[in-house]
PDB file of N, CA and C in Angstrom:
ATOM      1  N   UNK A   1       1.651  -7.060  71.480  1.00  0.00           N
ATOM      2  CA  UNK A   1       0.475  -6.620  70.653  1.00  0.00           C
ATOM      3  C   UNK A   1       0.860  -7.504  69.374  1.00  0.00           C
ATOM      4  N   UNK A   2      -0.112  -8.351  68.954  1.00  0.00           N
ATOM      5  CA  UNK A   2       0.042  -9.076  67.666  1.00  0.00           C
ATOM      6  C   UNK A   2      -0.524  -8.194  66.348  1.00  0.00           C
ATOM      7  N   UNK A   3       0.282  -7.956  65.376  1.00  0.00           N
ATOM      8  CA  UNK A   3       0.179  -7.275  64.362  1.00  0.00           C
ATOM      9  C   UNK A   3       1.203  -6.393  63.966  1.00  0.00           C
ATOM     10  N   UNK A   4       1.033  -5.652  62.973  1.00  0.00           N
ATOM     11  CA  UNK A   4       2.192  -4.909  62.368  1.00  0.00           C
ATOM     12  C   UNK A   4       1.961  -3.345  62.579  1.00  0.00           C
ATOM     13  N   UNK A   5       2.977  -3.070  63.398  1.00  0.00           N
ATOM     14  CA  UNK A   5       3.055  -1.542  63.967  1.00  0.00           C
ATOM     15  C   UNK A   5       3.388  -0.674  62.538  1.00  0.00           C
ATOM     16  N   UNK A   6       2.591   0.404  62.531  1.00  0.00           N
ATOM     17  CA  UNK A   6       2.491   1.097  61.381  1.00  0.00           C
ATOM     18  C   UNK A   6       2.682   2.718  61.468  1.00  0.00           C
ATOM     19  N   UNK A   7       2.841   2.809  63.049  1.00  0.00           N
ATOM     20  CA  UNK A   7       3.177   4.346  63.172  1.00  0.00           C
ATOM     21  C   UNK A   7       2.270   4.886  64.382  1.00  0.00           C
ATOM     22  N   UNK A   8       2.251   6.208  64.345  1.00  0.00           N
ATOM     23  CA  UNK A   8       1.275   6.776  65.326  1.00  0.00           C
ATOM     24  C   UNK A   8       0.351   7.532  64.659  1.00  0.00           C
ATOM     25  N   UNK A   9      -0.947   7.577  64.896  1.00  0.00           N
ATOM     26  CA  UNK A   9      -2.089   8.161  64.292  1.00  0.00           C
ATOM     27  C   UNK A   9      -1.971   9.751  64.682  1.00  0.00           C
ATOM     28  N   UNK A  10      -1.940  10.599  63.446  1.00  0.00           N
ATOM     29  CA  UNK A  10      -1.623  12.015  63.451  1.00  0.00           C
ATOM     30  C   UNK A  10      -2.785  12.730  64.356  1.00  0.00           C
ATOM     31  N   UNK A  11      -2.484  13.564  65.171  1.00  0.00           N
ATOM     32  CA  UNK A  11      -3.176  14.211  66.178  1.00  0.00           C
ATOM     33  C   UNK A  11      -4.298  15.059  65.292  1.00  0.00           C
ATOM     34  N   UNK A  12      -4.067  15.496  64.045  1.00  0.00           N
ATOM     35  CA  UNK A  12      -5.033  16.277  63.255  1.00  0.00           C
ATOM     36  C   UNK A  12      -6.065  15.354  62.611  1.00  0.00           C
ATOM     37  N   UNK A  13      -5.662  13.940  62.497  1.00  0.00           N
ATOM     38  CA  UNK A  13      -6.696  13.017  62.099  1.00  0.00           C
ATOM     39  C   UNK A  13      -8.264  13.006  62.784  1.00  0.00           C
ATOM     40  N   UNK A  14      -9.294  13.050  62.080  1.00  0.00           N
ATOM     41  CA  UNK A  14     -10.669  13.133  62.921  1.00  0.00           C
ATOM     42  C   UNK A  14     -10.614  11.899  63.860  1.00  0.00           C
ATOM     43  N   UNK A  15     -10.001  10.715  63.520  1.00  0.00           N
ATOM     44  CA  UNK A  15     -10.008   9.516  64.327  1.00  0.00           C
ATOM     45  C   UNK A  15      -9.468   9.711  65.632  1.00  0.00           C
ATOM     46  N   UNK A  16      -8.516  10.680  65.563  1.00  0.00           N
ATOM     47  CA  UNK A  16      -7.701  10.877  67.037  1.00  0.00           C
ATOM     48  C   UNK A  16      -8.474  11.494  67.985  1.00  0.00           C
ATOM     49  N   UNK A  17      -9.327  12.547  67.606  1.00  0.00           N
ATOM     50  CA  UNK A  17     -10.479  12.966  68.691  1.00  0.00           C
ATOM     51  C   UNK A  17     -11.581  12.092  69.080  1.00  0.00           C
ATOM     52  N   UNK A  18     -11.940  11.105  68.125  1.00  0.00           N
ATOM     53  CA  UNK A  18     -12.890  10.278  68.428  1.00  0.00           C
ATOM     54  C   UNK A  18     -12.442   9.052  69.415  1.00  0.00           C
ATOM     55  N   UNK A  19     -11.148   8.742  69.168  1.00  0.00           N
ATOM     56  CA  UNK A  19     -10.352   7.727  70.141  1.00  0.00           C
ATOM     57  C   UNK A  19     -10.143   8.292  71.445  1.00  0.00           C
ATOM     58  N   UNK A  20      -9.880   9.598  71.376  1.00  0.00           N
ATOM     59  CA  UNK A  20      -9.593  10.400  72.705  1.00  0.00           C
ATOM     60  C   UNK A  20     -11.007  10.212  73.527  1.00  0.00           C
ATOM     61  N   UNK A  21     -12.099  10.707  72.987  1.00  0.00           N
ATOM     62  CA  UNK A  21     -13.263  10.519  73.568  1.00  0.00           C
ATOM     63  C   UNK A  21     -13.596   9.118  73.980  1.00  0.00           C
ATOM     64  N   UNK A  22     -13.325   8.298  73.289  1.00  0.00           N
ATOM     65  CA  UNK A  22     -13.730   6.695  73.691  1.00  0.00           C
ATOM     66  C   UNK A  22     -12.995   6.202  74.806  1.00  0.00           C
ATOM     67  N   UNK A  23     -11.716   6.486  74.920  1.00  0.00           N
ATOM     68  CA  UNK A  23     -10.965   6.129  75.803  1.00  0.00           C
ATOM     69  C   UNK A  23     -11.060   7.055  77.071  1.00  0.00           C
ATOM     70  N   UNK A  24     -11.557   8.110  77.040  1.00  0.00           N
ATOM     71  CA  UNK A  24     -11.870   9.007  78.289  1.00  0.00           C
ATOM     72  C   UNK A  24     -13.350   8.600  78.748  1.00  0.00           C
ATOM     73  N   UNK A  25     -14.368   8.613  78.001  1.00  0.00           N
ATOM     74  CA  UNK A  25     -15.723   8.412  78.365  1.00  0.00           C
ATOM     75  C   UNK A  25     -16.062   6.859  78.808  1.00  0.00           C
ATOM     76  N   UNK A  26     -15.574   6.053  77.854  1.00  0.00           N
ATOM     77  CA  UNK A  26     -15.881   4.486  78.255  1.00  0.00           C
ATOM     78  C   UNK A  26     -14.841   3.804  79.089  1.00  0.00           C
ATOM     79  N   UNK A  27     -13.458   4.347  78.883  1.00  0.00           N
ATOM     80  CA  UNK A  27     -12.347   3.513  79.517  1.00  0.00           C
ATOM     81  C   UNK A  27     -11.896   4.337  80.754  1.00  0.00           C
ATOM     82  N   UNK A  28     -12.048   5.405  80.956  1.00  0.00           N
ATOM     83  CA  UNK A  28     -11.757   6.198  82.149  1.00  0.00           C
ATOM     84  C   UNK A  28     -10.312   6.720  82.097  1.00  0.00           C
ATOM     85  N   UNK A  29      -9.718   6.844  80.839  1.00  0.00           N
ATOM     86  CA  UNK A  29      -8.455   7.268  80.727  1.00  0.00           C
ATOM     87  C   UNK A  29      -8.510   8.650  80.467  1.00  0.00           C
ATOM     88  N   UNK A  30      -7.792   9.357  81.148  1.00  0.00           N
ATOM     89  CA  UNK A  30      -7.756  10.946  81.032  1.00  0.00           C
ATOM     90  C   UNK A  30      -6.015  11.324  80.820  1.00  0.00           C
ATOM     91  N   UNK A  31      -6.147  11.440  79.480  1.00  0.00           N
ATOM     92  CA  UNK A  31      -4.769  11.969  79.061  1.00  0.00           C
ATOM     93  C   UNK A  31      -5.102  13.294  78.317  1.00  0.00           C
ATOM     94  N   UNK A  32      -4.459  14.498  78.441  1.00  0.00           N
ATOM     95  CA  UNK A  32      -4.749  15.684  78.058  1.00  0.00           C
ATOM     96  C   UNK A  32      -4.261  15.513  76.572  1.00  0.00           C
ATOM     97  N   UNK A  33      -3.216  14.947  76.423  1.00  0.00           N
ATOM     98  CA  UNK A  33      -2.778  14.875  74.787  1.00  0.00           C
ATOM     99  C   UNK A  33      -2.479  13.346  74.614  1.00  0.00           C
ATOM    100  N   UNK A  34      -3.354  12.467  74.542  1.00  0.00           N
ATOM    101  CA  UNK A  34      -3.044  11.254  74.197  1.00  0.00           C
ATOM    102  C   UNK A  34      -2.184  11.019  72.831  1.00  0.00           C
ATOM    103  N   UNK A  35      -1.498   9.855  72.654  1.00  0.00           N
ATOM    104  CA  UNK A  35      -0.818   9.517  71.551  1.00  0.00           C
ATOM    105  C   UNK A  35      -1.202   7.906  71.358  1.00  0.00           C
ATOM    106  N   UNK A  36      -1.480   7.823  70.086  1.00  0.00           N
ATOM    107  CA  UNK A  36      -1.952   6.582  69.797  1.00  0.00           C
ATOM    108  C   UNK A  36      -1.146   5.800  68.878  1.00  0.00           C
ATOM    109  N   UNK A  37      -0.556   4.658  69.363  1.00  0.00           N
ATOM    110  CA  UNK A  37       0.227   3.780  68.374  1.00  0.00           C
ATOM    111  C   UNK A  37      -0.970   2.991  67.396  1.00  0.00           C
ATOM    112  N   UNK A  38      -0.592   2.689  66.256  1.00  0.00           N
ATOM    113  CA  UNK A  38      -1.474   2.092  65.313  1.00  0.00           C
ATOM    114  C   UNK A  38      -0.682   0.837  64.792  1.00  0.00           C
ATOM    115  N   UNK A  39      -1.474  -0.314  64.807  1.00  0.00           N
ATOM    116  CA  UNK A  39      -1.300  -1.740  64.595  1.00  0.00           C
ATOM    117  C   UNK A  39      -2.188  -2.244  63.653  1.00  0.00           C
ATOM    118  N   UNK A  40      -1.757  -2.703  62.366  1.00  0.00           N
ATOM    119  CA  UNK A  40      -2.809  -3.367  61.510  1.00  0.00           C
ATOM    120  C   UNK A  40      -2.565  -4.772  61.859  1.00  0.00           C
ATOM    121  N   UNK A  41      -3.779  -5.398  62.115  1.00  0.00           N
ATOM    122  CA  UNK A  41      -3.980  -6.596  62.431  1.00  0.00           C
ATOM    123  C   UNK A  41      -4.247  -7.585  61.307  1.00  0.00           C
ATOM    124  N   UNK A  42      -3.796  -8.889  61.602  1.00  0.00           N
ATOM    125  CA  UNK A  42      -3.832  -9.912  60.429  1.00  0.00           C
ATOM    126  C   UNK A  42      -5.412 -10.362  60.417  1.00  0.00           C
ATOM    127  N   UNK A  43      -5.567 -10.518  59.241  1.00  0.00           N
ATOM    128  CA  UNK A  43      -7.187 -11.158  58.875  1.00  0.00           C
ATOM    129  C   UNK A  43      -7.492 -10.652  57.656  1.00  0.00           C
ATOM    130  N   UNK A  44      -8.661 -10.866  57.078  1.00  0.00           N
ATOM    131  CA  UNK A  44      -9.104 -10.586  55.772  1.00  0.00           C
ATOM    132  C   UNK A  44      -9.884  -9.288  55.911  1.00  0.00           C
ATOM    133  N   UNK A  45      -9.806  -8.468  56.715  1.00  0.00           N
ATOM    134  CA  UNK A  45     -10.501  -7.201  56.729  1.00  0.00           C
ATOM    135  C   UNK A  45      -9.505  -6.382  57.030  1.00  0.00           C
ATOM    136  N   UNK A  46      -9.807  -4.659  57.077  1.00  0.00           N
ATOM    137  CA  UNK A  46      -9.086  -3.765  57.335  1.00  0.00           C
ATOM    138  C   UNK A  46      -9.439  -3.508  59.010  1.00  0.00           C
ATOM    139  N   UNK A  47      -8.555  -4.193  59.633  1.00  0.00           N
ATOM    140  CA  UNK A  47      -8.773  -4.188  61.226  1.00  0.00           C
ATOM    141  C   UNK A  47      -7.454  -3.512  61.816  1.00  0.00           C
ATOM    142  N   UNK A  48      -7.434  -2.394  62.749  1.00  0.00           N
ATOM    143  CA  UNK A  48      -6.583  -1.893  63.463  1.00  0.00           C
ATOM    144  C   UNK A  48      -6.782  -1.954  64.904  1.00  0.00           C
ATOM    145  N   UNK A  49      -5.792  -2.041  65.572  1.00  0.00           N
ATOM    146  CA  UNK A  49      -5.562  -1.448  66.859  1.00  0.00           C
ATOM    147  C   UNK A  49      -4.966  -0.475  67.169  1.00  0.00           C
ATOM    148  N   UNK A  50      -5.449   0.519  67.988  1.00  0.00           N
ATOM    149  CA  UNK A  50      -4.923   1.759  68.554  1.00  0.00           C
ATOM    150  C   UNK A  50      -4.725   1.696  69.991  1.00  0.00           C
ATOM    151  N   UNK A  51      -3.727   1.785  70.403  1.00  0.00           N
ATOM    152  CA  UNK A  51      -3.073   1.650  71.771  1.00  0.00           C
ATOM    153  C   UNK A  51      -2.544   3.104  72.188  1.00  0.00           C
ATOM    154  N   UNK A  52      -3.053   3.659  73.288  1.00  0.00           N
ATOM    155  CA  UNK A  52      -2.674   4.922  73.876  1.00  0.00           C
ATOM    156  C   UNK A  52      -1.481   4.652  74.503  1.00  0.00           C
ATOM    157  N   UNK A  53      -0.475   5.380  74.226  1.00  0.00           N
ATOM    158  CA  UNK A  53       0.928   5.232  74.702  1.00  0.00           C
ATOM    159  C   UNK A  53       1.068   5.315  76.118  1.00  0.00           C
ATOM    160  N   UNK A  54       0.438   6.134  76.783  1.00  0.00           N
ATOM    161  CA  UNK A  54       0.897   6.257  78.331  1.00  0.00           C
ATOM    162  C   UNK A  54       0.155   5.059  79.092  1.00  0.00           C
ATOM    163  N   UNK A  55      -1.106   5.032  78.874  1.00  0.00           N
ATOM    164  CA  UNK A  55      -2.014   3.935  79.717  1.00  0.00           C
ATOM    165  C   UNK A  55      -1.944   2.712  79.251  1.00  0.00           C
ATOM    166  N   UNK A  56      -1.840   2.595  77.800  1.00  0.00           N
ATOM    167  CA  UNK A  56      -1.545   1.049  77.294  1.00  0.00           C
ATOM    168  C   UNK A  56      -3.321   0.602  76.935  1.00  0.00           C
ATOM    169  N   UNK A  57      -4.219   1.493  77.098  1.00  0.00           N
ATOM    170  CA  UNK A  57      -5.547   1.460  76.665  1.00  0.00           C
ATOM    171  C   UNK A  57      -5.685   1.105  75.035  1.00  0.00           C
ATOM    172  N   UNK A  58      -6.290   0.031  74.804  1.00  0.00           N
ATOM    173  CA  UNK A  58      -6.477  -0.386  73.336  1.00  0.00           C
ATOM    174  C   UNK A  58      -7.853  -0.194  73.161  1.00  0.00           C
ATOM    175  N   UNK A  59      -7.938   0.170  71.572  1.00  0.00           N
ATOM    176  CA  UNK A  59      -9.426  -0.011  70.921  1.00  0.00           C
ATOM    177  C   UNK A  59      -9.267  -0.625  69.608  1.00  0.00           C
ATOM    178  N   UNK A  60      -9.987  -1.459  69.098  1.00  0.00           N
ATOM    179  CA  UNK A  60      -9.914  -2.125  68.044  1.00  0.00           C
ATOM    180  C   UNK A  60     -10.965  -1.585  66.908  1.00  0.00           C
ATOM    181  N   UNK A  61     -10.505  -1.463  65.752  1.00  0.00           N
ATOM    182  CA  UNK A  61     -11.444  -0.628  64.934  1.00  0.00           C
ATOM    183  C   UNK A  61     -11.294  -1.456  63.579  1.00  0.00           C
ATOM    184  N   UNK A  62     -12.523  -1.701  62.924  1.00  0.00           N
ATOM    185  CA  UNK A  62     -12.780  -2.527  61.835  1.00  0.00           C
ATOM    186  C   UNK A  62     -13.361  -1.726  60.875  1.00  0.00           C
ATOM    187  N   UNK A  63     -12.670  -1.434  59.659  1.00  0.00           N
ATOM    188  CA  UNK A  63     -13.158  -0.702  58.480  1.00  0.00           C
ATOM    189  C   UNK A  63     -13.615  -1.326  57.471  1.00  0.00           C
ATOM    190  N   UNK A  64     -14.904  -1.147  56.688  1.00  0.00           N
ATOM    191  CA  UNK A  64     -15.848  -1.640  55.784  1.00  0.00           C
ATOM    192  C   UNK A  64     -15.499  -1.140  54.408  1.00  0.00           C
ATOM    193  N   UNK A  65     -14.963   0.133  54.319  1.00  0.00           N
ATOM    194  CA  UNK A  65     -15.098   0.876  53.342  1.00  0.00           C
ATOM    195  C   UNK A  65     -14.384   0.118  52.055  1.00  0.00           C
ATOM    196  N   UNK A  66     -12.982  -0.469  52.069  1.00  0.00           N
ATOM    197  CA  UNK A  66     -12.342  -0.999  50.958  1.00  0.00           C
ATOM    198  C   UNK A  66     -12.932  -2.393  50.730  1.00  0.00           C
ATOM    199  N   UNK A  67     -13.558  -3.054  51.693  1.00  0.00           N
ATOM    200  CA  UNK A  67     -14.204  -4.350  51.126  1.00  0.00           C
ATOM    201  C   UNK A  67     -15.548  -4.063  50.167  1.00  0.00           C
ATOM    202  N   UNK A  68     -16.281  -3.355  50.464  1.00  0.00           N
ATOM    203  CA  UNK A  68     -17.519  -2.951  49.591  1.00  0.00           C
ATOM    204  C   UNK A  68     -17.503  -1.861  48.659  1.00  0.00           C
ATOM    205  N   UNK A  69     -16.283  -1.230  48.721  1.00  0.00           N
ATOM    206  CA  UNK A  69     -16.358  -0.151  47.796  1.00  0.00           C
ATOM    207  C   UNK A  69     -17.108   1.118  48.181  1.00  0.00           C
ATOM    208  N   UNK A  70     -17.962   1.696  47.351  1.00  0.00           N
ATOM    209  CA  UNK A  70     -18.890   2.654  47.296  1.00  0.00           C
ATOM    210  C   UNK A  70     -20.175   2.118  47.871  1.00  0.00           C
ATOM    211  N   UNK A  71     -20.468   1.076  48.214  1.00  0.00           N
ATOM    212  CA  UNK A  71     -21.714   0.490  48.755  1.00  0.00           C
ATOM    213  C   UNK A  71     -21.912   0.755  50.100  1.00  0.00           C
ATOM    214  N   UNK A  72     -22.134   1.799  50.709  1.00  0.00           N
ATOM    215  CA  UNK A  72     -22.328   2.371  51.984  1.00  0.00           C
ATOM    216  C   UNK A  72     -23.262   1.592  52.752  1.00  0.00           C
ATOM    217  N   UNK A  73     -24.450   1.137  52.132  1.00  0.00           N
ATOM    218  CA  UNK A  73     -25.447   0.447  52.667  1.00  0.00           C
ATOM    219  C   UNK A  73     -25.045  -0.789  53.230  1.00  0.00           C
ATOM    220  N   UNK A  74     -24.403  -1.768  52.123  1.00  0.00           N
ATOM    221  CA  UNK A  74     -23.935  -2.864  52.418  1.00  0.00           C
ATOM    222  C   UNK A  74     -22.891  -3.028  53.661  1.00  0.00           C
ATOM    223  N   UNK A  75     -21.933  -2.015  53.603  1.00  0.00           N
ATOM    224  CA  UNK A  75     -21.309  -1.948  54.745  1.00  0.00           C
ATOM    225  C   UNK A  75     -21.739  -1.571  56.045  1.00  0.00           C
ATOM    226  N   UNK A  76     -22.583  -0.579  56.072  1.00  0.00           N
ATOM    227  CA  UNK A  76     -23.527  -0.416  57.238  1.00  0.00           C
ATOM    228  C   UNK A  76     -24.264  -1.658  57.801  1.00  0.00           C
ATOM    229  N   UNK A  77     -24.838  -2.312  56.758  1.00  0.00           N
ATOM    230  CA  UNK A  77     -25.435  -3.454  57.091  1.00  0.00           C
ATOM    231  C   UNK A  77     -24.656  -4.635  57.914  1.00  0.00           C
ATOM    232  N   UNK A  78     -23.570  -4.754  57.417  1.00  0.00           N
ATOM    233  CA  UNK A  78     -22.614  -5.621  57.723  1.00  0.00           C
ATOM    234  C   UNK A  78     -21.986  -5.281  59.081  1.00  0.00           C
ATOM    235  N   UNK A  79     -21.849  -4.105  59.347  1.00  0.00           N
ATOM    236  CA  UNK A  79     -21.243  -3.714  60.679  1.00  0.00           C
ATOM    237  C   UNK A  79     -22.218  -3.750  61.568  1.00  0.00           C
ATOM    238  N   UNK A  80     -23.428  -3.526  61.319  1.00  0.00           N
ATOM    239  CA  UNK A  80     -24.647  -3.726  62.272  1.00  0.00           C
ATOM    240  C   UNK A  80     -24.832  -5.253  62.579  1.00  0.00           C
ATOM    241  N   UNK A  81     -24.892  -6.056  61.587  1.00  0.00           N
ATOM    242  CA  UNK A  81     -25.028  -7.550  61.870  1.00  0.00           C
ATOM    243  C   UNK A  81     -23.954  -8.062  62.666  1.00  0.00           C
ATOM    244  N   UNK A  82     -22.601  -7.576  62.705  1.00  0.00           N
ATOM    245  CA  UNK A  82     -21.444  -8.008  63.358  1.00  0.00           C
ATOM    246  C   UNK A  82     -21.525  -7.422  64.775  1.00  0.00           C
ATOM    247  N   UNK A  83     -22.127  -6.234  65.062  1.00  0.00           N
ATOM    248  CA  UNK A  83     -22.468  -5.607  66.162  1.00  0.00           C
ATOM    249  C   UNK A  83     -23.556  -6.213  67.090  1.00  0.00           C
ATOM    250  N   UNK A  84     -24.675  -6.674  66.264  1.00  0.00           N
ATOM    251  CA  UNK A  84     -25.607  -7.702  66.970  1.00  0.00           C
ATOM    252  C   UNK A  84     -25.031  -9.125  67.428  1.00  0.00           C
ATOM    253  N   UNK A  85     -24.220  -9.544  66.601  1.00  0.00           N
ATOM    254  CA  UNK A  85     -23.556 -10.830  66.963  1.00  0.00           C
ATOM    255  C   UNK A  85     -22.780 -10.514  68.159  1.00  0.00           C
ATOM    256  N   UNK A  86     -22.047  -9.488  68.358  1.00  0.00           N
ATOM    257  CA  UNK A  86     -21.096  -9.265  69.605  1.00  0.00           C
ATOM    258  C   UNK A  86     -22.058  -8.826  70.825  1.00  0.00           C
ATOM    259  N   UNK A  87     -23.175  -8.113  70.571  1.00  0.00           N
ATOM    260  CA  UNK A  87     -24.018  -8.294  71.829  1.00  0.00           C
ATOM    261  C   UNK A  87     -24.426  -9.414  72.183  1.00  0.00           C
ATOM    262  N   UNK A  88     -24.979 -10.462  71.131  1.00  0.00           N
ATOM    263  CA  UNK A  88     -25.251 -11.831  71.649  1.00  0.00           C
ATOM    264  C   UNK A  88     -24.418 -12.550  72.413  1.00  0.00           C
ATOM    265  N   UNK A  89     -23.046 -12.714  71.975  1.00  0.00           N
ATOM    266  CA  UNK A  89     -21.986 -13.015  72.854  1.00  0.00           C
ATOM    267  C   UNK A  89     -21.843 -12.310  74.076  1.00  0.00           C
ATOM    268  N   UNK A  90     -21.696 -11.018  74.034  1.00  0.00           N
ATOM    269  CA  UNK A  90     -21.710 -10.427  75.522  1.00  0.00           C
ATOM    270  C   UNK A  90     -23.064 -11.033  76.272  1.00  0.00           C
ATOM    271  N   UNK A  91     -24.084 -11.223  75.837  1.00  0.00           N
ATOM    272  CA  UNK A  91     -25.374 -11.503  76.713  1.00  0.00           C
ATOM    273  C   UNK A  91     -25.027 -12.962  77.203  1.00  0.00           C
ATOM    274  N   UNK A  92     -24.164 -13.864  76.520  1.00  0.00           N
ATOM    275  CA  UNK A  92     -24.114 -14.929  77.021  1.00  0.00           C
ATOM    276  C   UNK A  92     -22.505 -15.082  78.097  1.00  0.00           C
ATOM    277  N   UNK A  93     -22.231 -13.886  78.372  1.00  0.00           N
ATOM    278  CA  UNK A  93     -21.202 -13.853  79.245  1.00  0.00           C
ATOM    279  C   UNK A  93     -19.851 -13.697  78.624  1.00  0.00           C
ATOM    280  N   UNK A  94     -19.703 -13.750  77.550  1.00  0.00           N
ATOM    281  CA  UNK A  94     -18.393 -13.889  76.785  1.00  0.00           C
ATOM    282  C   UNK A  94     -17.830 -12.278  76.487  1.00  0.00           C
ATOM    283  N   UNK A  95     -17.102 -11.907  77.645  1.00  0.00           N
ATOM    284  CA  UNK A  95     -16.457 -10.478  77.836  1.00  0.00           C
ATOM    285  C   UNK A  95     -15.152 -10.425  77.840  1.00  0.00           C
ATOM    286  N   UNK A  96     -14.538  -9.567  77.357  1.00  0.00           N
ATOM    287  CA  UNK A  96     -13.100  -9.637  77.470  1.00  0.00           C
ATOM    288  C   UNK A  96     -12.162  -9.432  76.365  1.00  0.00           C
TER     289      UNK A  96
END
């Protein structure tokens, strides 16, 4: 994994439950007590990779808050624009 290892995501963090649902529902990984390793990825934004220890399933998360401060609307708009661009690329068959 490219990036800097920063530790494990605490089980009491709200993101842990969210990632557990994502890997179960969308990736088919059924771990009763998943453990997520956290890696800070290189780049200009707050981007992290979360890797489930047993299965190796990975989820990439990009956070916009620090970049835009308290401007939640701008962060949401930017995230939406990036999501639309991703959907366009997937429409061209660029998946993986």
